[in-house]
Amino acid sequence: MTTPHIQTAIPQRRYQLGSFLVNILSDIKTDDPVEYRYIMALIDEGEQEPCLYVTAEVNPPAQRQQGSYRIRVVLDEQEKEMGSADEWGDIENFSIFSMGIAAKLYQLSDEEPKRLA
């Protein structure tokens, strides 16, 4: 699987991170074979499409002993699973963690996320 195929979603939070806009989405409807709890979509200023996705996906029952949710990072055509934990079901924990991944990948360590109304 590559980028999430989002049909509908509800934006829960928006942040400015350097020159990037961060959208945290929930209530995601998709035709993907996974169930998303949250998706972080990172959009570079002036662009229409996200350049990075970080997803919190519900783990299948056989994998829930590792955690209820797994984190997956999608950058271009590459994707990497980053482990599982129960804490990714919390929007605050997911937001902080996913923006930390974005900051590391795009070398934004000096940038503080600013929550937008």
C-alpha atoms as a PDB file:
ATOM      1  CA  MET A   1       0.000   0.000   0.000  1.00  0.00           C
ATOM      2  CA  THR A   2       1.191   3.521  -0.683  1.00  0.00           C
ATOM      3  CA  THR A   3      -0.647   6.743   0.201  1.00  0.00           C
ATOM      4  CA  PRO A   4      -3.979   6.430   2.015  1.00  0.00           C
ATOM      5  CA  HIS A   5      -6.995   6.547  -0.298  1.00  0.00           C
ATOM      6  CA  ILE A   6      -9.064   8.981   1.750  1.00  0.00           C
ATOM      7  CA  GLN A   7     -12.676   9.268   0.624  1.00  0.00           C
ATOM      8  CA  THR A   8     -13.836  11.418   3.543  1.00  0.00           C
ATOM      9  CA  ALA A   9     -12.258  12.533   6.816  1.00  0.00           C
ATOM     10  CA  ILE A  10     -12.816  15.121   9.509  1.00  0.00           C
ATOM     11  CA  PRO A  11      -9.936  17.531  10.205  1.00  0.00           C
ATOM     12  CA  GLN A  12      -9.406  17.568  13.979  1.00  0.00           C
ATOM     13  CA  ARG A  13      -6.334  19.781  14.285  1.00  0.00           C
ATOM     14  CA  ARG A  14      -4.215  22.006  12.073  1.00  0.00           C
ATOM     15  CA  TYR A  15      -0.673  23.191  12.714  1.00  0.00           C
ATOM     16  CA  GLN A  16       1.968  25.275  11.007  1.00  0.00           C
ATOM     17  CA  LEU A  17       5.373  23.584  11.123  1.00  0.00           C
ATOM     18  CA  GLY A  18       7.945  25.790   9.407  1.00  0.00           C
ATOM     19  CA  SER A  19       6.702  26.196   5.834  1.00  0.00           C
ATOM     20  CA  PHE A  20       4.456  23.121   6.139  1.00  0.00           C
ATOM     21  CA  LEU A  21       0.790  22.784   7.003  1.00  0.00           C
ATOM     22  CA  VAL A  22      -0.109  19.791   9.181  1.00  0.00           C
ATOM     23  CA  ASN A  23      -3.618  18.309   9.148  1.00  0.00           C
ATOM     24  CA  ILE A  24      -4.617  15.692  11.721  1.00  0.00           C
ATOM     25  CA  LEU A  25      -7.592  13.729  10.373  1.00  0.00           C
ATOM     26  CA  SER A  26     -10.021  11.328  12.044  1.00  0.00           C
ATOM     27  CA  ASP A  27     -13.280   9.541  11.182  1.00  0.00           C
ATOM     28  CA  ILE A  28     -11.599   8.404   7.983  1.00  0.00           C
ATOM     29  CA  LYS A  29     -13.575   6.613   5.289  1.00  0.00           C
ATOM     30  CA  THR A  30     -11.421   4.736   2.809  1.00  0.00           C
ATOM     31  CA  ASP A  31     -11.336   1.692   0.575  1.00  0.00           C
ATOM     32  CA  ASP A  32      -7.932   0.682   1.988  1.00  0.00           C
ATOM     33  CA  PRO A  33      -7.671  -2.729   3.695  1.00  0.00           C
ATOM     34  CA  VAL A  34      -6.746  -1.085   7.041  1.00  0.00           C
ATOM     35  CA  GLU A  35      -8.782   0.873   9.569  1.00  0.00           C
ATOM     36  CA  TYR A  36      -7.290   4.293  10.311  1.00  0.00           C
ATOM     37  CA  ARG A  37      -7.615   5.937  13.715  1.00  0.00           C
ATOM     38  CA  TYR A  38      -5.753   9.086  12.646  1.00  0.00           C
ATOM     39  CA  ILE A  39      -3.845  10.347   9.645  1.00  0.00           C
ATOM     40  CA  MET A  40      -1.338  13.189   9.725  1.00  0.00           C
ATOM     41  CA  ALA A  41      -0.979  14.795   6.301  1.00  0.00           C
ATOM     42  CA  LEU A  42       1.955  17.182   5.788  1.00  0.00           C
ATOM     43  CA  ILE A  43       1.571  19.710   2.972  1.00  0.00           C
ATOM     44  CA  ASP A  44       4.398  21.932   1.765  1.00  0.00           C
ATOM     45  CA  GLU A  45       3.467  25.591   1.341  1.00  0.00           C
ATOM     46  CA  GLY A  46       2.088  26.258  -2.139  1.00  0.00           C
ATOM     47  CA  GLU A  47       1.419  22.568  -2.867  1.00  0.00           C
ATOM     48  CA  GLN A  48      -1.942  20.840  -3.205  1.00  0.00           C
ATOM     49  CA  GLU A  49      -1.053  17.276  -2.238  1.00  0.00           C
ATOM     50  CA  PRO A  50       0.592  16.050   0.969  1.00  0.00           C
ATOM     51  CA  CYS A  51       4.266  15.122   0.760  1.00  0.00           C
ATOM     52  CA  LEU A  52       4.138  12.918   3.877  1.00  0.00           C
ATOM     53  CA  TYR A  53       1.556  10.824   5.677  1.00  0.00           C
ATOM     54  CA  VAL A  54       1.835   9.326   9.137  1.00  0.00           C
ATOM     55  CA  THR A  55      -0.998   6.951   9.993  1.00  0.00           C
ATOM     56  CA  ALA A  56      -2.265   5.361  13.185  1.00  0.00           C
ATOM     57  CA  GLU A  57      -3.893   2.110  12.081  1.00  0.00           C
ATOM     58  CA  VAL A  58      -5.929  -0.322  14.157  1.00  0.00           C
ATOM     59  CA  ASN A  59      -3.901  -3.499  14.598  1.00  0.00           C
ATOM     60  CA  PRO A  60      -5.575  -6.785  13.638  1.00  0.00           C
ATOM     61  CA  PRO A  61      -6.635  -8.856  16.674  1.00  0.00           C
ATOM     62  CA  ALA A  62      -3.656 -11.220  16.315  1.00  0.00           C
ATOM     63  CA  GLN A  63      -1.227  -8.290  16.677  1.00  0.00           C
ATOM     64  CA  ARG A  64      -2.942  -6.344  19.468  1.00  0.00           C
ATOM     65  CA  GLN A  65      -0.707  -7.773  22.209  1.00  0.00           C
ATOM     66  CA  GLN A  66       1.962  -5.410  20.763  1.00  0.00           C
ATOM     67  CA  GLY A  67      -0.452  -2.457  20.981  1.00  0.00           C
ATOM     68  CA  SER A  68      -3.852  -1.457  19.652  1.00  0.00           C
ATOM     69  CA  TYR A  69      -2.441   0.843  16.959  1.00  0.00           C
ATOM     70  CA  ARG A  70       0.518   0.721  14.617  1.00  0.00           C
ATOM     71  CA  ILE A  71       2.268   3.729  13.117  1.00  0.00           C
ATOM     72  CA  ARG A  72       3.091   3.792   9.416  1.00  0.00           C
ATOM     73  CA  VAL A  73       5.058   6.506   7.609  1.00  0.00           C
ATOM     74  CA  VAL A  74       4.470   7.078   3.882  1.00  0.00           C
ATOM     75  CA  LEU A  75       6.929   9.301   2.005  1.00  0.00           C
ATOM     76  CA  ASP A  76       6.695   9.337  -1.783  1.00  0.00           C
ATOM     77  CA  GLU A  77       6.417   5.672  -2.769  1.00  0.00           C
ATOM     78  CA  GLN A  78       8.204   4.440   0.356  1.00  0.00           C
ATOM     79  CA  GLU A  79       6.515   3.277   3.520  1.00  0.00           C
ATOM     80  CA  LYS A  80       7.763   2.050   6.857  1.00  0.00           C
ATOM     81  CA  GLU A  81       6.009   0.646   9.870  1.00  0.00           C
ATOM     82  CA  MET A  82       7.274   2.289  13.068  1.00  0.00           C
ATOM     83  CA  GLY A  83       5.908  -0.069  15.713  1.00  0.00           C
ATOM     84  CA  SER A  84       2.762  -0.503  17.755  1.00  0.00           C
ATOM     85  CA  ALA A  85       1.425   1.002  20.978  1.00  0.00           C
ATOM     86  CA  ASP A  86      -1.871   1.772  22.682  1.00  0.00           C
ATOM     87  CA  GLU A  87      -0.899   5.450  23.058  1.00  0.00           C
ATOM     88  CA  TRP A  88      -1.311   6.188  19.319  1.00  0.00           C
ATOM     89  CA  GLY A  89      -5.083   6.032  19.853  1.00  0.00           C
ATOM     90  CA  ASP A  90      -4.845   9.363  21.693  1.00  0.00           C
ATOM     91  CA  ILE A  91      -4.920  12.389  19.371  1.00  0.00           C
ATOM     92  CA  GLU A  92      -2.455  14.389  21.471  1.00  0.00           C
ATOM     93  CA  ASN A  93       0.142  11.601  21.565  1.00  0.00           C
ATOM     94  CA  PHE A  94      -0.336  10.880  17.877  1.00  0.00           C
ATOM     95  CA  SER A  95      -0.045  14.564  16.915  1.00  0.00           C
ATOM     96  CA  ILE A  96       3.189  15.097  18.855  1.00  0.00           C
ATOM     97  CA  PHE A  97       4.754  11.854  17.592  1.00  0.00           C
ATOM     98  CA  SER A  98       3.760  12.336  13.939  1.00  0.00           C
ATOM     99  CA  MET A  99       4.989  15.942  13.853  1.00  0.00           C
ATOM    100  CA  GLY A 100       8.248  14.761  15.417  1.00  0.00           C
ATOM    101  CA  ILE A 101       8.684  12.341  12.512  1.00  0.00           C
ATOM    102  CA  ALA A 102       7.961  15.153  10.026  1.00  0.00           C
ATOM    103  CA  ALA A 103      10.425  17.476  11.770  1.00  0.00           C
ATOM    104  CA  LYS A 104      13.140  14.822  11.650  1.00  0.00           C
ATOM    105  CA  LEU A 105      12.545  13.885   7.990  1.00  0.00           C
ATOM    106  CA  TYR A 106      12.432  17.513   6.807  1.00  0.00           C
ATOM    107  CA  GLN A 107      15.130  18.792   9.194  1.00  0.00           C
ATOM    108  CA  LEU A 108      12.777  21.138  11.051  1.00  0.00           C
ATOM    109  CA  SER A 109      14.224  20.542  14.510  1.00  0.00           C
ATOM    110  CA  ASP A 110      14.353  24.291  15.232  1.00  0.00           C
ATOM    111  CA  GLU A 111      10.675  24.760  14.319  1.00  0.00           C
ATOM    112  CA  GLU A 112       7.917  24.711  16.931  1.00  0.00           C
ATOM    113  CA  PRO A 113       4.484  23.562  15.717  1.00  0.00           C
ATOM    114  CA  LYS A 114       1.920  26.355  15.975  1.00  0.00           C
ATOM    115  CA  ARG A 115      -1.676  25.229  16.385  1.00  0.00           C
ATOM    116  CA  LEU A 116      -4.045  26.973  13.992  1.00  0.00           C
ATOM    117  CA  ALA A 117      -7.686  27.774  14.753  1.00  0.00           C
END
